[in-house]
Amino acid sequence: MGLVFIVIVVVLLFTLLPHNRAYGDGHPPETAAAHADTPLETLAKRYARGEINRIEYLERRKDLL
């Protein structure tokens, strides 16, 4: 009788408590769109990587603002 009670308690715990196994923290992964850079961030990253020069950066930044 005691073993049946323990099994019921364990089953209830597993069904009622949130499971952290599926996503690590219990929340679904965010979509890529949630982490997409804004155009200004993309522009700043391109400037930081040296893909565009300062004048081009400032002109494009002015256009975006």
Protein backbone atom coordinates (compact mmCIF):
# COMPACT_ATOMS: atom_id res chain seq x y z
CA MET A 1 0.00 0.00 0.00
CA GLY A 2 2.88 2.40 0.82
CA LEU A 3 4.56 1.71 -2.52
CA VAL A 4 1.37 2.59 -4.41
CA PHE A 5 1.16 5.88 -2.52
CA ILE A 6 4.78 6.74 -3.38
CA VAL A 7 4.22 5.94 -7.05
CA ILE A 8 1.11 8.15 -7.13
CA VAL A 9 2.99 11.04 -5.50
CA VAL A 10 5.89 10.72 -7.96
CA VAL A 11 3.52 10.61 -10.94
CA LEU A 12 1.66 13.68 -9.67
CA LEU A 13 4.91 15.57 -9.17
CA PHE A 14 6.04 14.84 -12.72
CA THR A 15 2.71 15.87 -14.21
CA LEU A 16 2.07 19.00 -12.13
CA LEU A 17 5.54 20.53 -11.94
CA PRO A 18 6.88 22.38 -14.99
CA HIS A 19 9.37 20.36 -16.96
CA ASN A 20 12.66 22.04 -17.69
CA ARG A 21 13.89 19.29 -19.95
CA ALA A 22 12.32 20.42 -23.21
CA TYR A 23 13.85 23.90 -23.39
CA GLY A 24 16.40 23.96 -20.60
CA ASP A 25 14.72 26.79 -18.71
CA GLY A 26 11.07 25.84 -19.20
CA HIS A 27 10.46 28.43 -21.90
CA PRO A 28 10.33 27.80 -25.64
CA PRO A 29 13.26 29.21 -27.61
CA GLU A 30 12.73 32.67 -28.98
CA THR A 31 12.42 33.07 -32.69
CA ALA A 32 15.18 34.59 -34.78
CA ALA A 33 12.96 37.63 -35.36
CA ALA A 34 13.04 38.40 -31.65
CA HIS A 35 16.83 38.76 -31.86
CA ALA A 36 17.00 40.48 -35.23
CA ASP A 37 19.12 43.61 -35.27
CA THR A 38 17.57 46.95 -36.04
CA PRO A 39 18.85 48.68 -39.17
CA LEU A 40 20.94 51.02 -37.02
CA GLU A 41 22.53 48.09 -35.20
CA THR A 42 23.29 46.38 -38.49
CA LEU A 43 24.84 49.59 -39.81
CA ALA A 44 26.97 50.03 -36.68
CA LYS A 45 28.19 46.43 -36.92
CA ARG A 46 29.14 46.90 -40.57
CA TYR A 47 31.09 50.04 -39.63
CA ALA A 48 32.79 48.23 -36.74
CA ARG A 49 33.83 45.38 -39.07
CA GLY A 50 35.28 47.89 -41.51
CA GLU A 51 32.83 47.08 -44.31
CA ILE A 52 31.94 50.76 -44.69
CA ASN A 53 33.92 53.91 -43.91
CA ARG A 54 32.99 56.71 -41.50
CA ILE A 55 31.48 59.00 -44.12
CA GLU A 56 29.32 56.21 -45.52
CA TYR A 57 28.29 55.24 -41.97
CA LEU A 58 27.28 58.81 -41.06
CA GLU A 59 25.35 59.29 -44.32
CA ARG A 60 23.42 56.06 -43.93
CA ARG A 61 22.80 56.72 -40.24
CA LYS A 62 21.39 60.14 -41.12
CA ASP A 63 19.08 58.50 -43.68
CA LEU A 64 17.82 56.01 -41.10
CA LEU A 65 17.15 58.62 -38.46
